[in-house]
Amino acid sequence: MVKLSVRDLAIRYGATTALEGVNFDIHENEIFGIIGPANAGKTSFLKAVNRMDMFNSEMKVDGSITFNGIDISKVRNVYGLRRRIGVVF
């Protein structure tokens, strides 16, 4: 069962693109880690998953992220979402 699905994700800060064309699925009971060099978009991705883009008016997220089949951009209770998705910076 797919727990987290990312499709055509693009993250921009004004004219600067942090991520573009990201697609993958994370299945139930799968451990997923993100590694990479500085300024590769790791933190931006984690912020997008936890809907923390609302704290930065310059951050624009395009594409779709679904958790348990629900589009996270349509979730009204973001605090409930954040309790369900563990993120470590």
N, C-alpha and C. Protein backbone atom coordinates (compact mmCIF):
# COMPACT_ATOMS: atom_id res chain seq x y z
N MET A 1 0.85 -1.19 0.00
CA MET A 1 0.00 0.00 0.00
C MET A 1 0.89 1.25 0.00
N VAL A 2 0.57 2.19 -0.86
CA VAL A 2 1.33 3.45 -0.96
C VAL A 2 0.87 4.39 0.16
N LYS A 3 1.81 4.84 0.99
CA LYS A 3 1.50 5.79 2.06
C LYS A 3 1.68 7.24 1.60
N LEU A 4 2.78 7.49 0.89
CA LEU A 4 3.08 8.84 0.42
C LEU A 4 3.42 8.77 -1.06
N SER A 5 2.74 9.58 -1.84
CA SER A 5 2.97 9.61 -3.28
C SER A 5 3.25 11.04 -3.70
N VAL A 6 4.31 11.22 -4.47
CA VAL A 6 4.71 12.54 -4.95
C VAL A 6 4.70 12.52 -6.47
N ARG A 7 4.01 13.47 -7.08
CA ARG A 7 3.89 13.53 -8.53
C ARG A 7 4.18 14.94 -9.04
N ASP A 8 5.13 15.02 -9.95
CA ASP A 8 5.48 16.28 -10.64
C ASP A 8 5.72 17.43 -9.67
N LEU A 9 6.40 17.15 -8.57
CA LEU A 9 6.64 18.18 -7.55
C LEU A 9 7.69 19.17 -8.04
N ALA A 10 7.37 20.44 -7.90
CA ALA A 10 8.29 21.54 -8.19
C ALA A 10 8.17 22.54 -7.05
N ILE A 11 9.30 22.99 -6.55
CA ILE A 11 9.32 23.98 -5.48
C ILE A 11 10.18 25.15 -5.93
N ARG A 12 9.63 26.35 -5.80
CA ARG A 12 10.33 27.56 -6.23
C ARG A 12 10.28 28.61 -5.12
N TYR A 13 11.34 29.38 -5.07
CA TYR A 13 11.42 30.56 -4.19
C TYR A 13 11.62 31.75 -5.12
N GLY A 14 10.55 32.40 -5.48
CA GLY A 14 10.64 33.47 -6.47
C GLY A 14 11.08 32.89 -7.80
N ALA A 15 12.18 33.40 -8.35
CA ALA A 15 12.69 32.91 -9.64
C ALA A 15 13.63 31.72 -9.48
N THR A 16 13.98 31.35 -8.25
CA THR A 16 14.91 30.25 -8.00
C THR A 16 14.16 28.94 -7.82
N THR A 17 14.54 27.92 -8.58
CA THR A 17 13.92 26.60 -8.48
C THR A 17 14.73 25.74 -7.53
N ALA A 18 14.09 25.23 -6.48
CA ALA A 18 14.75 24.35 -5.52
C ALA A 18 14.63 22.89 -5.95
N LEU A 19 13.47 22.49 -6.44
CA LEU A 19 13.22 21.13 -6.92
C LEU A 19 12.32 21.20 -8.14
N GLU A 20 12.48 20.19 -9.02
CA GLU A 20 11.62 20.15 -10.19
C GLU A 20 11.53 18.72 -10.71
N GLY A 21 10.32 18.30 -11.07
CA GLY A 21 10.12 16.98 -11.67
C GLY A 21 10.31 15.81 -10.73
N VAL A 22 9.93 15.95 -9.48
CA VAL A 22 10.11 14.88 -8.49
C VAL A 22 8.89 13.96 -8.50
N ASN A 23 9.14 12.66 -8.64
CA ASN A 23 8.08 11.63 -8.65
C ASN A 23 8.58 10.40 -7.90
N PHE A 24 7.82 9.93 -6.91
CA PHE A 24 8.12 8.67 -6.25
C PHE A 24 6.97 8.26 -5.33
N ASP A 25 7.00 7.01 -4.89
CA ASP A 25 6.04 6.47 -3.93
C ASP A 25 6.80 5.89 -2.76
N ILE A 26 6.25 6.07 -1.57
CA ILE A 26 6.77 5.43 -0.37
C ILE A 26 5.68 4.50 0.12
N HIS A 27 6.01 3.23 0.29
CA HIS A 27 5.03 2.22 0.69
C HIS A 27 4.99 2.05 2.21
N GLU A 28 3.90 1.47 2.68
CA GLU A 28 3.72 1.22 4.11
C GLU A 28 4.88 0.36 4.62
N ASN A 29 5.38 0.69 5.81
CA ASN A 29 6.49 0.02 6.49
C ASN A 29 7.83 0.18 5.79
N GLU A 30 7.92 1.08 4.84
CA GLU A 30 9.18 1.36 4.16
C GLU A 30 9.88 2.50 4.89
N ILE A 31 11.18 2.40 5.04
CA ILE A 31 11.97 3.46 5.64
C ILE A 31 12.56 4.28 4.51
N PHE A 32 12.41 5.59 4.60
CA PHE A 32 12.81 6.49 3.51
C PHE A 32 13.70 7.58 4.10
N GLY A 33 14.86 7.75 3.52
CA GLY A 33 15.78 8.80 3.95
C GLY A 33 16.15 9.69 2.78
N ILE A 34 16.47 10.93 3.07
CA ILE A 34 16.87 11.87 2.04
C ILE A 34 18.29 12.33 2.35
N ILE A 35 19.19 12.11 1.41
CA ILE A 35 20.57 12.58 1.57
C ILE A 35 20.96 13.34 0.31
N GLY A 36 21.92 14.22 0.45
CA GLY A 36 22.39 14.97 -0.71
C GLY A 36 23.19 16.18 -0.26
N PRO A 37 23.79 16.85 -1.23
CA PRO A 37 24.61 18.01 -0.91
C PRO A 37 23.78 19.20 -0.43
N ALA A 38 24.47 20.18 0.09
CA ALA A 38 23.81 21.41 0.54
C ALA A 38 23.10 22.08 -0.63
N ASN A 39 21.96 22.68 -0.34
CA ASN A 39 21.16 23.41 -1.33
C ASN A 39 20.62 22.53 -2.44
N ALA A 40 20.36 21.26 -2.14
CA ALA A 40 19.80 20.34 -3.14
C ALA A 40 18.28 20.26 -3.07
N GLY A 41 17.66 20.88 -2.04
CA GLY A 41 16.20 20.89 -1.93
C GLY A 41 15.64 19.93 -0.89
N LYS A 42 16.49 19.33 -0.06
CA LYS A 42 16.03 18.36 0.95
C LYS A 42 15.07 19.01 1.95
N THR A 43 15.46 20.11 2.53
CA THR A 43 14.62 20.79 3.52
C THR A 43 13.37 21.34 2.87
N SER A 44 13.47 21.85 1.66
CA SER A 44 12.30 22.36 0.95
C SER A 44 11.28 21.24 0.74
N PHE A 45 11.76 20.05 0.38
CA PHE A 45 10.85 18.92 0.21
C PHE A 45 10.15 18.58 1.52
N LEU A 46 10.90 18.52 2.62
CA LEU A 46 10.30 18.19 3.92
C LEU A 46 9.28 19.26 4.34
N LYS A 47 9.59 20.51 4.06
CA LYS A 47 8.63 21.58 4.35
C LYS A 47 7.36 21.42 3.53
N ALA A 48 7.48 21.03 2.28
CA ALA A 48 6.31 20.83 1.42
C ALA A 48 5.45 19.68 1.93
N VAL A 49 6.08 18.59 2.37
CA VAL A 49 5.34 17.44 2.88
C VAL A 49 4.56 17.82 4.14
N ASN A 50 5.13 18.65 4.97
CA ASN A 50 4.47 19.04 6.23
C ASN A 50 3.69 20.34 6.12
N ARG A 51 3.49 20.81 4.89
CA ARG A 51 2.73 22.04 4.63
C ARG A 51 3.29 23.25 5.36
N MET A 52 4.60 23.28 5.51
CA MET A 52 5.25 24.41 6.17
C MET A 52 5.51 25.55 5.19
N ASP A 53 5.12 25.38 3.93
CA ASP A 53 5.25 26.45 2.95
C ASP A 53 4.39 27.65 3.32
N MET A 54 3.38 27.40 4.16
CA MET A 54 2.50 28.49 4.59
C MET A 54 3.23 29.53 5.44
N PHE A 55 4.43 29.17 5.94
CA PHE A 55 5.19 30.09 6.77
C PHE A 55 6.14 30.97 5.93
N ASN A 56 6.27 30.66 4.62
CA ASN A 56 7.17 31.40 3.76
C ASN A 56 6.40 31.83 2.51
N SER A 57 6.11 33.11 2.41
CA SER A 57 5.28 33.60 1.30
C SER A 57 5.98 33.47 -0.06
N GLU A 58 7.30 33.36 -0.09
CA GLU A 58 8.02 33.21 -1.35
C GLU A 58 8.04 31.77 -1.86
N MET A 59 7.76 30.80 -1.00
CA MET A 59 7.82 29.39 -1.38
C MET A 59 6.56 28.98 -2.13
N LYS A 60 6.74 28.50 -3.36
CA LYS A 60 5.61 28.06 -4.20
C LYS A 60 5.79 26.58 -4.49
N VAL A 61 4.76 25.79 -4.17
CA VAL A 61 4.79 24.34 -4.37
C VAL A 61 3.78 23.98 -5.45
N ASP A 62 4.26 23.29 -6.50
CA ASP A 62 3.41 22.80 -7.57
C ASP A 62 3.52 21.29 -7.63
N GLY A 63 2.53 20.64 -8.21
CA GLY A 63 2.49 19.19 -8.26
C GLY A 63 1.59 18.66 -7.17
N SER A 64 1.66 17.36 -6.91
CA SER A 64 0.79 16.80 -5.87
C SER A 64 1.56 15.89 -4.93
N ILE A 65 1.16 15.96 -3.67
CA ILE A 65 1.67 15.07 -2.63
C ILE A 65 0.44 14.47 -1.97
N THR A 66 0.32 13.15 -1.98
CA THR A 66 -0.81 12.49 -1.32
C THR A 66 -0.30 11.62 -0.20
N PHE A 67 -1.03 11.64 0.91
CA PHE A 67 -0.73 10.81 2.08
C PHE A 67 -1.97 9.96 2.36
N ASN A 68 -1.81 8.65 2.32
CA ASN A 68 -2.94 7.72 2.47
C ASN A 68 -4.05 8.03 1.46
N GLY A 69 -3.65 8.43 0.25
CA GLY A 69 -4.62 8.70 -0.81
C GLY A 69 -5.29 10.05 -0.75
N ILE A 70 -4.92 10.89 0.23
CA ILE A 70 -5.52 12.21 0.39
C ILE A 70 -4.52 13.28 -0.02
N ASP A 71 -4.92 14.18 -0.89
CA ASP A 71 -4.07 15.28 -1.33
C ASP A 71 -3.81 16.19 -0.13
N ILE A 72 -2.54 16.35 0.27
CA ILE A 72 -2.25 17.12 1.49
C ILE A 72 -2.57 18.60 1.33
N SER A 73 -2.64 19.09 0.09
CA SER A 73 -2.98 20.51 -0.09
C SER A 73 -4.43 20.79 0.26
N LYS A 74 -5.24 19.75 0.34
CA LYS A 74 -6.66 19.91 0.67
C LYS A 74 -6.97 19.61 2.14
N VAL A 75 -5.96 19.20 2.90
CA VAL A 75 -6.15 18.89 4.33
C VAL A 75 -6.35 20.20 5.08
N ARG A 76 -7.42 20.27 5.85
CA ARG A 76 -7.70 21.50 6.60
C ARG A 76 -7.00 21.51 7.95
N ASN A 77 -6.86 20.34 8.58
CA ASN A 77 -6.20 20.25 9.88
C ASN A 77 -4.72 19.90 9.68
N VAL A 78 -3.89 20.93 9.44
CA VAL A 78 -2.48 20.67 9.18
C VAL A 78 -1.76 20.13 10.41
N TYR A 79 -2.23 20.47 11.60
CA TYR A 79 -1.61 19.95 12.82
C TYR A 79 -1.84 18.44 12.94
N GLY A 80 -3.01 17.98 12.55
CA GLY A 80 -3.28 16.55 12.51
C GLY A 80 -2.41 15.84 11.48
N LEU A 81 -2.22 16.48 10.33
CA LEU A 81 -1.34 15.94 9.29
C LEU A 81 0.08 15.81 9.82
N ARG A 82 0.56 16.84 10.48
CA ARG A 82 1.94 16.83 11.00
C ARG A 82 2.13 15.79 12.09
N ARG A 83 1.08 15.45 12.82
CA ARG A 83 1.19 14.38 13.82
C ARG A 83 1.35 13.03 13.16
N ARG A 84 0.83 12.88 11.93
CA ARG A 84 0.87 11.60 11.20
C ARG A 84 2.13 11.39 10.39
N ILE A 85 2.80 12.50 10.00
CA ILE A 85 4.01 12.41 9.18
C ILE A 85 5.19 12.90 10.01
N GLY A 86 6.09 11.97 10.33
CA GLY A 86 7.27 12.33 11.11
C GLY A 86 8.35 12.90 10.21
N VAL A 87 8.87 14.06 10.57
CA VAL A 87 9.92 14.71 9.80
C VAL A 87 10.99 15.15 10.78
N VAL A 88 12.26 14.82 10.44
CA VAL A 88 13.39 15.24 11.26
C VAL A 88 14.31 16.08 10.39
N PHE A 89 14.58 17.32 10.84
CA PHE A 89 15.48 18.20 10.08
C PHE A 89 16.89 18.03 10.59
